[in-house]
Amino acid sequence: MRTEEIAKEVEKLGLSEKLILVEDIWDGIARNSGELSMPEWQKSELDKRYHEYKEGKLKLRDWEGVHEGIRHKKGH
């Protein structure tokens, strides 16, 4: 079945059925997440940031501050 055909079938489902389907899809992705490889540049960046975090070199912000900053930017 092609992606377009699947999308048409999904549109026929009720909201609760769609939510169950999404949950099943995410569960399937989680079971197979080990198959996804991370690019070397991304691994290096994460390692660098973790090292900076452990050394106290990063300025950390809580979620409320980040969220407020996003809302403030949207207003401009």
N, C-alpha and C. Protein backbone atom coordinates (compact mmCIF):
# COMPACT_ATOMS: atom_id res chain seq x y z
N MET A 1 0.85 -1.17 0.00
CA MET A 1 0.00 0.00 0.00
C MET A 1 0.90 1.24 0.00
N ARG A 2 0.59 2.20 -0.84
CA ARG A 2 1.37 3.42 -0.95
C ARG A 2 0.99 4.41 0.15
N THR A 3 1.87 5.34 0.40
CA THR A 3 1.66 6.33 1.45
C THR A 3 0.37 7.10 1.26
N GLU A 4 0.08 7.47 0.04
CA GLU A 4 -1.15 8.23 -0.23
C GLU A 4 -2.40 7.41 0.11
N GLU A 5 -2.35 6.14 -0.21
CA GLU A 5 -3.48 5.25 0.09
C GLU A 5 -3.66 5.09 1.59
N ILE A 6 -2.55 4.96 2.29
CA ILE A 6 -2.61 4.83 3.74
C ILE A 6 -3.22 6.10 4.34
N ALA A 7 -2.77 7.26 3.87
CA ALA A 7 -3.30 8.53 4.39
C ALA A 7 -4.80 8.63 4.17
N LYS A 8 -5.28 8.19 3.03
CA LYS A 8 -6.73 8.23 2.76
C LYS A 8 -7.48 7.31 3.72
N GLU A 9 -6.93 6.15 4.00
CA GLU A 9 -7.56 5.22 4.93
C GLU A 9 -7.55 5.78 6.36
N VAL A 10 -6.46 6.42 6.73
CA VAL A 10 -6.36 7.00 8.07
C VAL A 10 -7.41 8.10 8.24
N GLU A 11 -7.65 8.88 7.20
CA GLU A 11 -8.64 9.95 7.26
C GLU A 11 -10.04 9.42 7.57
N LYS A 12 -10.29 8.18 7.23
CA LYS A 12 -11.61 7.58 7.47
C LYS A 12 -11.80 7.19 8.94
N LEU A 13 -10.71 7.13 9.71
CA LEU A 13 -10.78 6.69 11.09
C LEU A 13 -11.29 7.79 12.00
N GLY A 14 -11.87 7.38 13.11
CA GLY A 14 -12.28 8.33 14.14
C GLY A 14 -11.07 8.77 14.94
N LEU A 15 -11.23 9.81 15.74
CA LEU A 15 -10.12 10.36 16.50
C LEU A 15 -9.49 9.32 17.42
N SER A 16 -10.29 8.57 18.15
CA SER A 16 -9.72 7.58 19.07
C SER A 16 -8.95 6.51 18.31
N GLU A 17 -9.44 6.11 17.15
CA GLU A 17 -8.73 5.12 16.35
C GLU A 17 -7.41 5.68 15.84
N LYS A 18 -7.41 6.96 15.46
CA LYS A 18 -6.17 7.60 14.99
C LYS A 18 -5.14 7.66 16.12
N LEU A 19 -5.60 7.98 17.32
CA LEU A 19 -4.68 8.06 18.45
C LEU A 19 -4.07 6.70 18.76
N ILE A 20 -4.87 5.65 18.70
CA ILE A 20 -4.36 4.29 18.91
C ILE A 20 -3.35 3.93 17.83
N LEU A 21 -3.65 4.30 16.60
CA LEU A 21 -2.73 4.02 15.49
C LEU A 21 -1.40 4.75 15.69
N VAL A 22 -1.47 6.01 16.08
CA VAL A 22 -0.24 6.77 16.32
C VAL A 22 0.57 6.14 17.44
N GLU A 23 -0.10 5.72 18.50
CA GLU A 23 0.59 5.06 19.60
C GLU A 23 1.27 3.78 19.12
N ASP A 24 0.58 3.01 18.32
CA ASP A 24 1.16 1.77 17.78
C ASP A 24 2.37 2.08 16.90
N ILE A 25 2.28 3.12 16.10
CA ILE A 25 3.40 3.50 15.24
C ILE A 25 4.60 3.90 16.08
N TRP A 26 4.37 4.76 17.11
CA TRP A 26 5.48 5.17 17.98
C TRP A 26 6.09 3.98 18.70
N ASP A 27 5.27 3.06 19.16
CA ASP A 27 5.79 1.87 19.83
C ASP A 27 6.68 1.08 18.88
N GLY A 28 6.26 0.96 17.62
CA GLY A 28 7.06 0.26 16.63
C GLY A 28 8.38 0.96 16.37
N ILE A 29 8.35 2.28 16.32
CA ILE A 29 9.58 3.06 16.13
C ILE A 29 10.50 2.85 17.31
N ALA A 30 9.95 2.89 18.52
CA ALA A 30 10.77 2.71 19.72
C ALA A 30 11.43 1.33 19.75
N ARG A 31 10.69 0.31 19.33
CA ARG A 31 11.25 -1.04 19.32
C ARG A 31 12.41 -1.14 18.34
N ASN A 32 12.38 -0.36 17.28
CA ASN A 32 13.41 -0.45 16.24
C ASN A 32 14.38 0.72 16.26
N SER A 33 14.36 1.52 17.32
CA SER A 33 15.20 2.72 17.34
C SER A 33 16.69 2.40 17.31
N GLY A 34 17.06 1.23 17.74
CA GLY A 34 18.46 0.83 17.70
C GLY A 34 18.98 0.70 16.28
N GLU A 35 18.09 0.60 15.34
CA GLU A 35 18.49 0.47 13.94
C GLU A 35 18.89 1.81 13.34
N LEU A 36 18.49 2.91 14.00
CA LEU A 36 18.81 4.24 13.49
C LEU A 36 20.22 4.61 13.91
N SER A 37 21.01 5.02 12.96
CA SER A 37 22.35 5.44 13.30
C SER A 37 22.40 6.96 13.39
N MET A 38 23.24 7.44 14.29
CA MET A 38 23.41 8.87 14.47
C MET A 38 24.65 9.28 13.68
N PRO A 39 24.54 10.35 12.91
CA PRO A 39 25.73 10.81 12.16
C PRO A 39 26.87 11.17 13.11
N GLU A 40 28.08 10.98 12.66
CA GLU A 40 29.25 11.25 13.51
C GLU A 40 29.30 12.70 13.96
N TRP A 41 28.90 13.65 13.10
CA TRP A 41 28.93 15.06 13.49
C TRP A 41 27.98 15.32 14.66
N GLN A 42 26.85 14.60 14.67
CA GLN A 42 25.88 14.79 15.74
C GLN A 42 26.41 14.19 17.05
N LYS A 43 27.02 13.02 16.96
CA LYS A 43 27.63 12.42 18.15
C LYS A 43 28.70 13.35 18.73
N SER A 44 29.52 13.91 17.86
CA SER A 44 30.58 14.81 18.31
C SER A 44 30.01 16.04 19.00
N GLU A 45 28.97 16.60 18.43
CA GLU A 45 28.34 17.79 19.00
C GLU A 45 27.72 17.48 20.37
N LEU A 46 27.05 16.35 20.47
CA LEU A 46 26.47 15.96 21.76
C LEU A 46 27.54 15.72 22.81
N ASP A 47 28.64 15.06 22.41
CA ASP A 47 29.75 14.84 23.34
C ASP A 47 30.34 16.16 23.81
N LYS A 48 30.53 17.09 22.87
CA LYS A 48 31.08 18.39 23.21
C LYS A 48 30.18 19.13 24.19
N ARG A 49 28.87 19.15 23.92
CA ARG A 49 27.92 19.85 24.80
C ARG A 49 27.86 19.19 26.18
N TYR A 50 27.90 17.87 26.22
CA TYR A 50 27.87 17.17 27.51
C TYR A 50 29.12 17.51 28.32
N HIS A 51 30.26 17.53 27.65
CA HIS A 51 31.51 17.87 28.32
C HIS A 51 31.44 19.30 28.87
N GLU A 52 30.94 20.24 28.07
CA GLU A 52 30.79 21.62 28.52
C GLU A 52 29.82 21.71 29.70
N TYR A 53 28.76 20.94 29.64
CA TYR A 53 27.79 20.90 30.75
C TYR A 53 28.46 20.42 32.03
N LYS A 54 29.21 19.32 31.94
CA LYS A 54 29.86 18.75 33.12
C LYS A 54 30.88 19.72 33.72
N GLU A 55 31.50 20.55 32.88
CA GLU A 55 32.48 21.52 33.35
C GLU A 55 31.83 22.82 33.81
N GLY A 56 30.51 22.93 33.68
CA GLY A 56 29.80 24.13 34.11
C GLY A 56 29.95 25.30 33.15
N LYS A 57 30.30 25.02 31.90
CA LYS A 57 30.52 26.07 30.92
C LYS A 57 29.26 26.48 30.15
N LEU A 58 28.19 25.74 30.32
CA LEU A 58 26.96 26.05 29.60
C LEU A 58 26.00 26.82 30.49
N LYS A 59 25.32 27.78 29.89
CA LYS A 59 24.27 28.50 30.60
C LYS A 59 22.98 27.71 30.40
N LEU A 60 22.44 27.18 31.48
CA LEU A 60 21.23 26.36 31.40
C LEU A 60 20.02 27.22 31.72
N ARG A 61 18.91 26.89 31.07
CA ARG A 61 17.65 27.59 31.32
C ARG A 61 16.56 26.56 31.56
N ASP A 62 15.62 26.91 32.44
CA ASP A 62 14.52 26.00 32.69
C ASP A 62 13.48 26.14 31.57
N TRP A 63 12.56 25.18 31.53
CA TRP A 63 11.58 25.15 30.46
C TRP A 63 10.71 26.40 30.43
N GLU A 64 10.35 26.92 31.60
CA GLU A 64 9.51 28.11 31.64
C GLU A 64 10.20 29.28 30.95
N GLY A 65 11.49 29.44 31.21
CA GLY A 65 12.24 30.53 30.57
C GLY A 65 12.34 30.36 29.07
N VAL A 66 12.57 29.14 28.63
CA VAL A 66 12.64 28.87 27.19
C VAL A 66 11.29 29.15 26.53
N HIS A 67 10.24 28.65 27.17
CA HIS A 67 8.89 28.84 26.64
C HIS A 67 8.54 30.32 26.56
N GLU A 68 8.85 31.06 27.59
CA GLU A 68 8.57 32.50 27.60
C GLU A 68 9.34 33.20 26.48
N GLY A 69 10.59 32.81 26.27
CA GLY A 69 11.39 33.40 25.18
C GLY A 69 10.77 33.14 23.82
N ILE A 70 10.25 31.95 23.62
CA ILE A 70 9.61 31.61 22.35
C ILE A 70 8.35 32.45 22.16
N ARG A 71 7.55 32.56 23.21
CA ARG A 71 6.33 33.37 23.12
C ARG A 71 6.65 34.83 22.86
N HIS A 72 7.72 35.32 23.47
CA HIS A 72 8.11 36.72 23.28
C HIS A 72 8.54 36.97 21.83
N LYS A 73 9.30 36.02 21.26
CA LYS A 73 9.74 36.15 19.87
C LYS A 73 8.57 36.15 18.90
N LYS A 74 7.56 35.32 19.18
CA LYS A 74 6.38 35.25 18.31
C LYS A 74 5.63 36.57 18.26
N GLY A 75 5.68 37.33 19.35
CA GLY A 75 4.97 38.60 19.43
C GLY A 75 5.60 39.69 18.59
N HIS A 76 6.84 39.49 18.15
CA HIS A 76 7.53 40.52 17.34
C HIS A 76 7.33 40.31 15.89
